[in-house]
PDB file of all heavy atoms in Angstrom:
ATOM      1  N   GLY A   1      -0.872  -6.438  12.418  1.00  0.00           N
ATOM      2  CA  GLY A   1      -0.522  -5.293  13.309  1.00  0.00           C
ATOM      3  C   GLY A   1      -0.130  -4.067  12.520  1.00  0.00           C
ATOM      4  O   GLY A   1       0.038  -3.004  13.185  1.00  0.00           O
ATOM      5  N   ARG A   2       0.005  -4.152  11.226  1.00  0.00           N
ATOM      6  CA  ARG A   2       0.421  -2.972  10.454  1.00  0.00           C
ATOM      7  C   ARG A   2      -0.729  -2.502   9.561  1.00  0.00           C
ATOM      8  O   ARG A   2      -0.483  -1.741   8.592  1.00  0.00           O
ATOM      9  CB  ARG A   2       1.626  -3.357   9.601  1.00  0.00           C
ATOM     10  CG  ARG A   2       2.847  -3.883  10.352  1.00  0.00           C
ATOM     11  CD  ARG A   2       3.581  -2.810  11.203  1.00  0.00           C
ATOM     12  NE  ARG A   2       4.229  -1.814  10.366  1.00  0.00           N
ATOM     13  CZ  ARG A   2       5.448  -1.992   9.769  1.00  0.00           C
ATOM     14  NH1 ARG A   2       6.091  -3.115   9.997  1.00  0.00           N
ATOM     15  NH2 ARG A   2       5.958  -1.033   9.053  1.00  0.00           N
ATOM     16  N   GLU A   3      -1.920  -2.897   9.829  1.00  0.00           N
ATOM     17  CA  GLU A   3      -3.084  -2.609   8.964  1.00  0.00           C
ATOM     18  C   GLU A   3      -3.302  -1.084   8.784  1.00  0.00           C
ATOM     19  O   GLU A   3      -3.579  -0.608   7.710  1.00  0.00           O
ATOM     20  CB  GLU A   3      -4.342  -3.285   9.454  1.00  0.00           C
ATOM     21  CG  GLU A   3      -4.330  -4.829   9.332  1.00  0.00           C
ATOM     22  CD  GLU A   3      -3.680  -5.554  10.524  1.00  0.00           C
ATOM     23  OE1 GLU A   3      -3.065  -4.889  11.367  1.00  0.00           O
ATOM     24  OE2 GLU A   3      -3.749  -6.781  10.507  1.00  0.00           O
ATOM     25  N   SER A   4      -3.185  -0.333   9.911  1.00  0.00           N
ATOM     26  CA  SER A   4      -3.375   1.078   9.782  1.00  0.00           C
ATOM     27  C   SER A   4      -2.445   1.761   8.947  1.00  0.00           C
ATOM     28  O   SER A   4      -2.788   2.628   8.078  1.00  0.00           O
ATOM     29  CB  SER A   4      -3.366   1.681  11.197  1.00  0.00           C
ATOM     30  OG  SER A   4      -4.439   1.257  12.000  1.00  0.00           O
ATOM     31  N   GLU A   5      -1.149   1.295   8.961  1.00  0.00           N
ATOM     32  CA  GLU A   5      -0.104   1.887   8.057  1.00  0.00           C
ATOM     33  C   GLU A   5      -0.367   1.460   6.693  1.00  0.00           C
ATOM     34  O   GLU A   5      -0.145   2.266   5.781  1.00  0.00           O
ATOM     35  CB  GLU A   5       1.250   1.390   8.608  1.00  0.00           C
ATOM     36  CG  GLU A   5       2.438   1.996   7.924  1.00  0.00           C
ATOM     37  CD  GLU A   5       3.745   1.542   8.491  1.00  0.00           C
ATOM     38  OE1 GLU A   5       3.733   0.894   9.550  1.00  0.00           O
ATOM     39  OE2 GLU A   5       4.788   1.850   7.894  1.00  0.00           O
ATOM     40  N   PHE A   6      -0.805   0.271   6.490  1.00  0.00           N
ATOM     41  CA  PHE A   6      -1.072  -0.167   5.094  1.00  0.00           C
ATOM     42  C   PHE A   6      -2.241   0.688   4.518  1.00  0.00           C
ATOM     43  O   PHE A   6      -2.104   1.154   3.378  1.00  0.00           O
ATOM     44  CB  PHE A   6      -1.480  -1.650   5.076  1.00  0.00           C
ATOM     45  CG  PHE A   6      -1.921  -2.132   3.690  1.00  0.00           C
ATOM     46  CD1 PHE A   6      -0.958  -2.472   2.780  1.00  0.00           C
ATOM     47  CD2 PHE A   6      -3.236  -2.198   3.407  1.00  0.00           C
ATOM     48  CE1 PHE A   6      -1.344  -2.918   1.491  1.00  0.00           C
ATOM     49  CE2 PHE A   6      -3.630  -2.655   2.104  1.00  0.00           C
ATOM     50  CZ  PHE A   6      -2.680  -2.948   1.161  1.00  0.00           C
ATOM     51  N   ARG A   7      -3.258   0.903   5.310  1.00  0.00           N
ATOM     52  CA  ARG A   7      -4.389   1.718   4.783  1.00  0.00           C
ATOM     53  C   ARG A   7      -3.994   3.155   4.451  1.00  0.00           C
ATOM     54  O   ARG A   7      -4.463   3.746   3.508  1.00  0.00           O
ATOM     55  CB  ARG A   7      -5.528   1.670   5.795  1.00  0.00           C
ATOM     56  CG  ARG A   7      -6.187   0.315   5.917  1.00  0.00           C
ATOM     57  CD  ARG A   7      -7.452   0.323   6.787  1.00  0.00           C
ATOM     58  NE  ARG A   7      -8.116  -1.004   6.650  1.00  0.00           N
ATOM     59  CZ  ARG A   7      -9.390  -1.182   6.987  1.00  0.00           C
ATOM     60  NH1 ARG A   7     -10.206  -0.128   7.255  1.00  0.00           N
ATOM     61  NH2 ARG A   7      -9.951  -2.369   6.864  1.00  0.00           N
ATOM     62  N   ALA A   8      -3.072   3.697   5.304  1.00  0.00           N
ATOM     63  CA  ALA A   8      -2.632   5.046   5.025  1.00  0.00           C
ATOM     64  C   ALA A   8      -1.848   5.058   3.720  1.00  0.00           C
ATOM     65  O   ALA A   8      -1.927   5.978   2.894  1.00  0.00           O
ATOM     66  CB  ALA A   8      -1.766   5.554   6.174  1.00  0.00           C
ATOM     67  N   GLY A   9      -1.095   3.988   3.509  1.00  0.00           N
ATOM     68  CA  GLY A   9      -0.344   3.854   2.280  1.00  0.00           C
ATOM     69  C   GLY A   9      -1.222   3.782   1.048  1.00  0.00           C
ATOM     70  O   GLY A   9      -0.884   4.304  -0.032  1.00  0.00           O
ATOM     71  N   VAL A  10      -2.298   3.107   1.175  1.00  0.00           N
ATOM     72  CA  VAL A  10      -3.272   2.970   0.090  1.00  0.00           C
ATOM     73  C   VAL A  10      -3.762   4.385  -0.326  1.00  0.00           C
ATOM     74  O   VAL A  10      -3.855   4.699  -1.488  1.00  0.00           O
ATOM     75  CB  VAL A  10      -4.459   2.073   0.481  1.00  0.00           C
ATOM     76  CG1 VAL A  10      -5.592   2.162  -0.533  1.00  0.00           C
ATOM     77  CG2 VAL A  10      -4.023   0.595   0.657  1.00  0.00           C
ATOM     78  N   ALA A  11      -4.128   5.124   0.715  1.00  0.00           N
ATOM     79  CA  ALA A  11      -4.612   6.549   0.448  1.00  0.00           C
ATOM     80  C   ALA A  11      -3.512   7.370  -0.256  1.00  0.00           C
ATOM     81  O   ALA A  11      -3.827   8.071  -1.262  1.00  0.00           O
ATOM     82  CB  ALA A  11      -5.018   7.198   1.749  1.00  0.00           C
ATOM     83  N   THR A  12      -2.311   7.237   0.217  1.00  0.00           N
ATOM     84  CA  THR A  12      -1.200   7.981  -0.417  1.00  0.00           C
ATOM     85  C   THR A  12      -0.975   7.526  -1.856  1.00  0.00           C
ATOM     86  O   THR A  12      -0.889   8.365  -2.750  1.00  0.00           O
ATOM     87  CB  THR A  12       0.130   7.745   0.363  1.00  0.00           C
ATOM     88  OG1 THR A  12      -0.042   8.243   1.663  1.00  0.00           O
ATOM     89  CG2 THR A  12       1.299   8.422  -0.326  1.00  0.00           C
ATOM     90  N   ALA A  13      -0.959   6.216  -2.137  1.00  0.00           N
ATOM     91  CA  ALA A  13      -0.783   5.703  -3.417  1.00  0.00           C
ATOM     92  C   ALA A  13      -1.894   6.151  -4.407  1.00  0.00           C
ATOM     93  O   ALA A  13      -1.646   6.544  -5.538  1.00  0.00           O
ATOM     94  CB  ALA A  13      -0.763   4.179  -3.401  1.00  0.00           C
ATOM     95  N   LEU A  14      -3.112   6.104  -3.906  1.00  0.00           N
ATOM     96  CA  LEU A  14      -4.266   6.563  -4.743  1.00  0.00           C
ATOM     97  C   LEU A  14      -4.229   8.025  -5.076  1.00  0.00           C
ATOM     98  O   LEU A  14      -4.602   8.465  -6.168  1.00  0.00           O
ATOM     99  CB  LEU A  14      -5.603   6.160  -4.084  1.00  0.00           C
ATOM    100  CG  LEU A  14      -5.907   4.655  -4.182  1.00  0.00           C
ATOM    101  CD1 LEU A  14      -7.148   4.305  -3.251  1.00  0.00           C
ATOM    102  CD2 LEU A  14      -6.147   4.210  -5.572  1.00  0.00           C
ATOM    103  N   ALA A  15      -3.713   8.821  -4.115  1.00  0.00           N
ATOM    104  CA  ALA A  15      -3.571  10.263  -4.402  1.00  0.00           C
ATOM    105  C   ALA A  15      -2.545  10.457  -5.564  1.00  0.00           C
ATOM    106  O   ALA A  15      -2.776  11.285  -6.479  1.00  0.00           O
ATOM    107  CB  ALA A  15      -3.136  11.021  -3.195  1.00  0.00           C
ATOM    108  N   TYR A  16      -1.451   9.750  -5.501  1.00  0.00           N
ATOM    109  CA  TYR A  16      -0.496   9.808  -6.602  1.00  0.00           C
ATOM    110  C   TYR A  16      -1.036   9.265  -7.866  1.00  0.00           C
ATOM    111  O   TYR A  16      -0.776   9.864  -8.981  1.00  0.00           O
ATOM    112  CB  TYR A  16       0.808   9.035  -6.183  1.00  0.00           C
ATOM    113  CG  TYR A  16       1.826   9.911  -5.486  1.00  0.00           C
ATOM    114  CD1 TYR A  16       1.748  10.208  -4.115  1.00  0.00           C
ATOM    115  CD2 TYR A  16       2.946  10.415  -6.164  1.00  0.00           C
ATOM    116  CE1 TYR A  16       2.626  10.997  -3.441  1.00  0.00           C
ATOM    117  CE2 TYR A  16       3.842  11.235  -5.504  1.00  0.00           C
ATOM    118  CZ  TYR A  16       3.706  11.507  -4.196  1.00  0.00           C
ATOM    119  OH  TYR A  16       4.609  12.289  -3.512  1.00  0.00           O
ATOM    120  N   ALA A  17      -1.773   8.143  -7.798  1.00  0.00           N
ATOM    121  CA  ALA A  17      -2.356   7.541  -8.988  1.00  0.00           C
ATOM    122  C   ALA A  17      -3.326   8.556  -9.688  1.00  0.00           C
ATOM    123  O   ALA A  17      -3.271   8.607 -10.952  1.00  0.00           O
ATOM    124  CB  ALA A  17      -3.023   6.287  -8.666  1.00  0.00           C
ATOM    125  N   GLU A  18      -4.075   9.208  -8.920  1.00  0.00           N
ATOM    126  CA  GLU A  18      -4.990  10.199  -9.493  1.00  0.00           C
ATOM    127  C   GLU A  18      -4.243  11.306 -10.207  1.00  0.00           C
ATOM    128  O   GLU A  18      -4.596  11.735 -11.323  1.00  0.00           O
ATOM    129  CB  GLU A  18      -5.887  10.765  -8.460  1.00  0.00           C
ATOM    130  CG  GLU A  18      -6.945  11.743  -8.964  1.00  0.00           C
ATOM    131  CD  GLU A  18      -7.892  12.221  -7.917  1.00  0.00           C
ATOM    132  OE1 GLU A  18      -7.580  12.132  -6.749  1.00  0.00           O
ATOM    133  OE2 GLU A  18      -8.953  12.716  -8.247  1.00  0.00           O
ATOM    134  N   ALA A  19      -3.194  11.838  -9.550  1.00  0.00           N
ATOM    135  CA  ALA A  19      -2.398  12.894 -10.147  1.00  0.00           C
ATOM    136  C   ALA A  19      -1.665  12.476 -11.439  1.00  0.00           C
ATOM    137  O   ALA A  19      -1.503  13.280 -12.336  1.00  0.00           O
ATOM    138  CB  ALA A  19      -1.428  13.457  -9.115  1.00  0.00           C
ATOM    139  N   LEU A  20      -1.254  11.203 -11.413  1.00  0.00           N
ATOM    140  CA  LEU A  20      -0.395  10.752 -12.536  1.00  0.00           C
ATOM    141  C   LEU A  20      -1.220   9.984 -13.595  1.00  0.00           C
ATOM    142  O   LEU A  20      -0.575   9.557 -14.558  1.00  0.00           O
ATOM    143  CB  LEU A  20       0.637   9.804 -11.975  1.00  0.00           C
ATOM    144  CG  LEU A  20       1.545  10.422 -10.892  1.00  0.00           C
ATOM    145  CD1 LEU A  20       2.632   9.436 -10.417  1.00  0.00           C
ATOM    146  CD2 LEU A  20       2.184  11.742 -11.274  1.00  0.00           C
ATOM    147  N   GLY A  21      -2.462   9.801 -13.396  1.00  0.00           N
ATOM    148  CA  GLY A  21      -3.332   9.093 -14.409  1.00  0.00           C
ATOM    149  C   GLY A  21      -2.967   7.658 -14.466  1.00  0.00           C
ATOM    150  O   GLY A  21      -3.100   7.029 -15.517  1.00  0.00           O
ATOM    151  N   CYS A  22      -2.517   7.149 -13.337  1.00  0.00           N
ATOM    152  CA  CYS A  22      -2.099   5.703 -13.289  1.00  0.00           C
ATOM    153  C   CYS A  22      -3.243   4.810 -12.924  1.00  0.00           C
ATOM    154  O   CYS A  22      -3.981   5.081 -11.952  1.00  0.00           O
ATOM    155  CB  CYS A  22      -0.967   5.560 -12.248  1.00  0.00           C
ATOM    156  SG  CYS A  22      -0.266   3.886 -12.246  1.00  0.00           S
ATOM    157  N   ARG A  23      -3.417   3.703 -13.654  1.00  0.00           N
ATOM    158  CA  ARG A  23      -4.555   2.817 -13.507  1.00  0.00           C
ATOM    159  C   ARG A  23      -4.223   1.509 -12.794  1.00  0.00           C
ATOM    160  O   ARG A  23      -5.045   0.641 -12.640  1.00  0.00           O
ATOM    161  CB  ARG A  23      -5.186   2.523 -14.860  1.00  0.00           C
ATOM    162  CG  ARG A  23      -5.695   3.758 -15.568  1.00  0.00           C
ATOM    163  CD  ARG A  23      -6.965   4.344 -14.954  1.00  0.00           C
ATOM    164  NE  ARG A  23      -8.044   3.405 -15.013  1.00  0.00           N
ATOM    165  CZ  ARG A  23      -8.792   3.138 -16.067  1.00  0.00           C
ATOM    166  NH1 ARG A  23      -8.524   3.805 -17.239  1.00  0.00           N
ATOM    167  NH2 ARG A  23      -9.795   2.313 -16.077  1.00  0.00           N
ATOM    168  N   GLN A  24      -2.957   1.320 -12.380  1.00  0.00           N
ATOM    169  CA  GLN A  24      -2.512   0.113 -11.721  1.00  0.00           C
ATOM    170  C   GLN A  24      -1.558   0.346 -10.551  1.00  0.00           C
ATOM    171  O   GLN A  24      -0.610   1.155 -10.767  1.00  0.00           O
ATOM    172  CB  GLN A  24      -1.838  -0.805 -12.739  1.00  0.00           C
ATOM    173  CG  GLN A  24      -2.689  -1.191 -13.966  1.00  0.00           C
ATOM    174  CD  GLN A  24      -1.977  -2.276 -14.819  1.00  0.00           C
ATOM    175  OE1 GLN A  24      -2.447  -3.404 -14.937  1.00  0.00           O
ATOM    176  NE2 GLN A  24      -0.895  -1.900 -15.378  1.00  0.00           N
ATOM    177  N   LEU A  25      -1.809  -0.249  -9.450  1.00  0.00           N
ATOM    178  CA  LEU A  25      -0.893  -0.144  -8.348  1.00  0.00           C
ATOM    179  C   LEU A  25      -0.566  -1.562  -7.788  1.00  0.00           C
ATOM    180  O   LEU A  25      -1.481  -2.394  -7.608  1.00  0.00           O
ATOM    181  CB  LEU A  25      -1.576   0.626  -7.155  1.00  0.00           C
ATOM    182  CG  LEU A  25      -1.946   2.072  -7.457  1.00  0.00           C
ATOM    183  CD1 LEU A  25      -2.821   2.639  -6.323  1.00  0.00           C
ATOM    184  CD2 LEU A  25      -0.659   2.912  -7.582  1.00  0.00           C
ATOM    185  N   HIS A  26       0.721  -1.769  -7.533  1.00  0.00           N
ATOM    186  CA  HIS A  26       1.131  -3.042  -6.965  1.00  0.00           C
ATOM    187  C   HIS A  26       1.250  -2.920  -5.426  1.00  0.00           C
ATOM    188  O   HIS A  26       1.953  -1.959  -4.954  1.00  0.00           O
ATOM    189  CB  HIS A  26       2.481  -3.454  -7.542  1.00  0.00           C
ATOM    190  CG  HIS A  26       3.163  -4.595  -6.864  1.00  0.00           C
ATOM    191  ND1 HIS A  26       4.502  -4.571  -6.613  1.00  0.00           N
ATOM    192  CD2 HIS A  26       2.689  -5.702  -6.324  1.00  0.00           C
ATOM    193  CE1 HIS A  26       4.815  -5.708  -5.955  1.00  0.00           C
ATOM    194  NE2 HIS A  26       3.723  -6.409  -5.745  1.00  0.00           N
ATOM    195  N   ALA A  27       0.652  -3.816  -4.689  1.00  0.00           N
ATOM    196  CA  ALA A  27       0.804  -3.860  -3.266  1.00  0.00           C
ATOM    197  C   ALA A  27       1.770  -4.946  -2.799  1.00  0.00           C
ATOM    198  O   ALA A  27       1.482  -6.055  -2.924  1.00  0.00           O
ATOM    199  CB  ALA A  27      -0.577  -4.141  -2.609  1.00  0.00           C
ATOM    200  N   MET A  28       2.925  -4.552  -2.366  1.00  0.00           N
ATOM    201  CA  MET A  28       3.939  -5.484  -1.933  1.00  0.00           C
ATOM    202  C   MET A  28       3.461  -6.246  -0.676  1.00  0.00           C
ATOM    203  O   MET A  28       2.944  -5.694   0.294  1.00  0.00           O
ATOM    204  CB  MET A  28       5.278  -4.849  -1.685  1.00  0.00           C
ATOM    205  CG  MET A  28       5.949  -4.209  -2.929  1.00  0.00           C
ATOM    206  SD  MET A  28       7.660  -3.735  -2.710  1.00  0.00           S
ATOM    207  CE  MET A  28       8.430  -5.369  -2.625  1.00  0.00           C
ATOM    208  N   ALA A  29       3.701  -7.565  -0.692  1.00  0.00           N
ATOM    209  CA  ALA A  29       3.169  -8.459   0.343  1.00  0.00           C
ATOM    210  C   ALA A  29       3.924  -8.321   1.654  1.00  0.00           C
ATOM    211  O   ALA A  29       3.309  -8.464   2.754  1.00  0.00           O
ATOM    212  CB  ALA A  29       3.144  -9.860  -0.142  1.00  0.00           C
ATOM    213  N   GLY A  30       5.245  -8.200   1.591  1.00  0.00           N
ATOM    214  CA  GLY A  30       6.059  -8.136   2.813  1.00  0.00           C
ATOM    215  C   GLY A  30       6.754  -9.453   3.121  1.00  0.00           C
ATOM    216  O   GLY A  30       6.405 -10.486   2.537  1.00  0.00           O
ATOM    217  N   LEU A  31       7.646  -9.436   4.080  1.00  0.00           N
ATOM    218  CA  LEU A  31       8.418 -10.564   4.474  1.00  0.00           C
ATOM    219  C   LEU A  31       7.722 -11.299   5.564  1.00  0.00           C
ATOM    220  O   LEU A  31       7.119 -10.703   6.406  1.00  0.00           O
ATOM    221  CB  LEU A  31       9.799 -10.133   4.916  1.00  0.00           C
ATOM    222  CG  LEU A  31      10.657  -9.332   3.907  1.00  0.00           C
ATOM    223  CD1 LEU A  31      11.965  -8.902   4.557  1.00  0.00           C
ATOM    224  CD2 LEU A  31      10.891 -10.141   2.657  1.00  0.00           C
ATOM    225  N   ARG A  32       7.872 -12.638   5.586  1.00  0.00           N
ATOM    226  CA  ARG A  32       7.279 -13.458   6.686  1.00  0.00           C
ATOM    227  C   ARG A  32       7.952 -13.047   7.973  1.00  0.00           C
ATOM    228  O   ARG A  32       9.181 -12.820   8.045  1.00  0.00           O
ATOM    229  CB  ARG A  32       7.480 -14.939   6.406  1.00  0.00           C
ATOM    230  CG  ARG A  32       6.698 -15.407   5.194  1.00  0.00           C
ATOM    231  CD  ARG A  32       6.717 -16.906   5.090  1.00  0.00           C
ATOM    232  NE  ARG A  32       8.079 -17.450   4.838  1.00  0.00           N
ATOM    233  CZ  ARG A  32       8.602 -17.646   3.686  1.00  0.00           C
ATOM    234  NH1 ARG A  32       7.948 -17.341   2.601  1.00  0.00           N
ATOM    235  NH2 ARG A  32       9.810 -18.123   3.585  1.00  0.00           N
ATOM    236  N   GLN A  33       7.099 -12.917   9.030  1.00  0.00           N
ATOM    237  CA  GLN A  33       7.571 -12.527  10.364  1.00  0.00           C
ATOM    238  C   GLN A  33       7.737 -13.618  11.330  1.00  0.00           C
ATOM    239  O   GLN A  33       6.921 -14.588  11.328  1.00  0.00           O
ATOM    240  CB  GLN A  33       6.598 -11.462  10.897  1.00  0.00           C
ATOM    241  CG  GLN A  33       6.291 -10.278   9.992  1.00  0.00           C
ATOM    242  CD  GLN A  33       7.553  -9.414   9.809  1.00  0.00           C
ATOM    243  OE1 GLN A  33       7.949  -8.742  10.785  1.00  0.00           O
ATOM    244  NE2 GLN A  33       8.045  -9.333   8.577  1.00  0.00           N
ATOM    245  N   ALA A  34       8.713 -13.572  12.197  1.00  0.00           N
ATOM    246  CA  ALA A  34       8.904 -14.582  13.198  1.00  0.00           C
ATOM    247  C   ALA A  34       7.709 -14.659  14.144  1.00  0.00           C
ATOM    248  O   ALA A  34       7.241 -13.555  14.504  1.00  0.00           O
ATOM    249  CB  ALA A  34      10.201 -14.301  13.992  1.00  0.00           C
ATOM    250  N   GLY A  35       7.274 -15.829  14.401  1.00  0.00           N
ATOM    251  CA  GLY A  35       6.105 -15.941  15.328  1.00  0.00           C
ATOM    252  C   GLY A  35       4.723 -15.742  14.686  1.00  0.00           C
ATOM    253  O   GLY A  35       3.775 -15.776  15.363  1.00  0.00           O
ATOM    254  N   VAL A  36       4.757 -15.455  13.398  1.00  0.00           N
ATOM    255  CA  VAL A  36       3.452 -15.295  12.690  1.00  0.00           C
ATOM    256  C   VAL A  36       3.273 -16.495  11.729  1.00  0.00           C
ATOM    257  O   VAL A  36       4.176 -16.802  10.883  1.00  0.00           O
ATOM    258  CB  VAL A  36       3.457 -13.989  11.870  1.00  0.00           C
ATOM    259  CG1 VAL A  36       2.114 -13.826  11.129  1.00  0.00           C
ATOM    260  CG2 VAL A  36       3.697 -12.784  12.788  1.00  0.00           C
TER     261      VAL A  36
END
């Protein structure tokens, strides 16, 4: 249910990575959710 927000975050992170010359990004997995 948070896929759109995740994808927006990917775009933001890649914009920073390009500006900073960074070649590695860590994607945090998140906490297990009740009912999932």
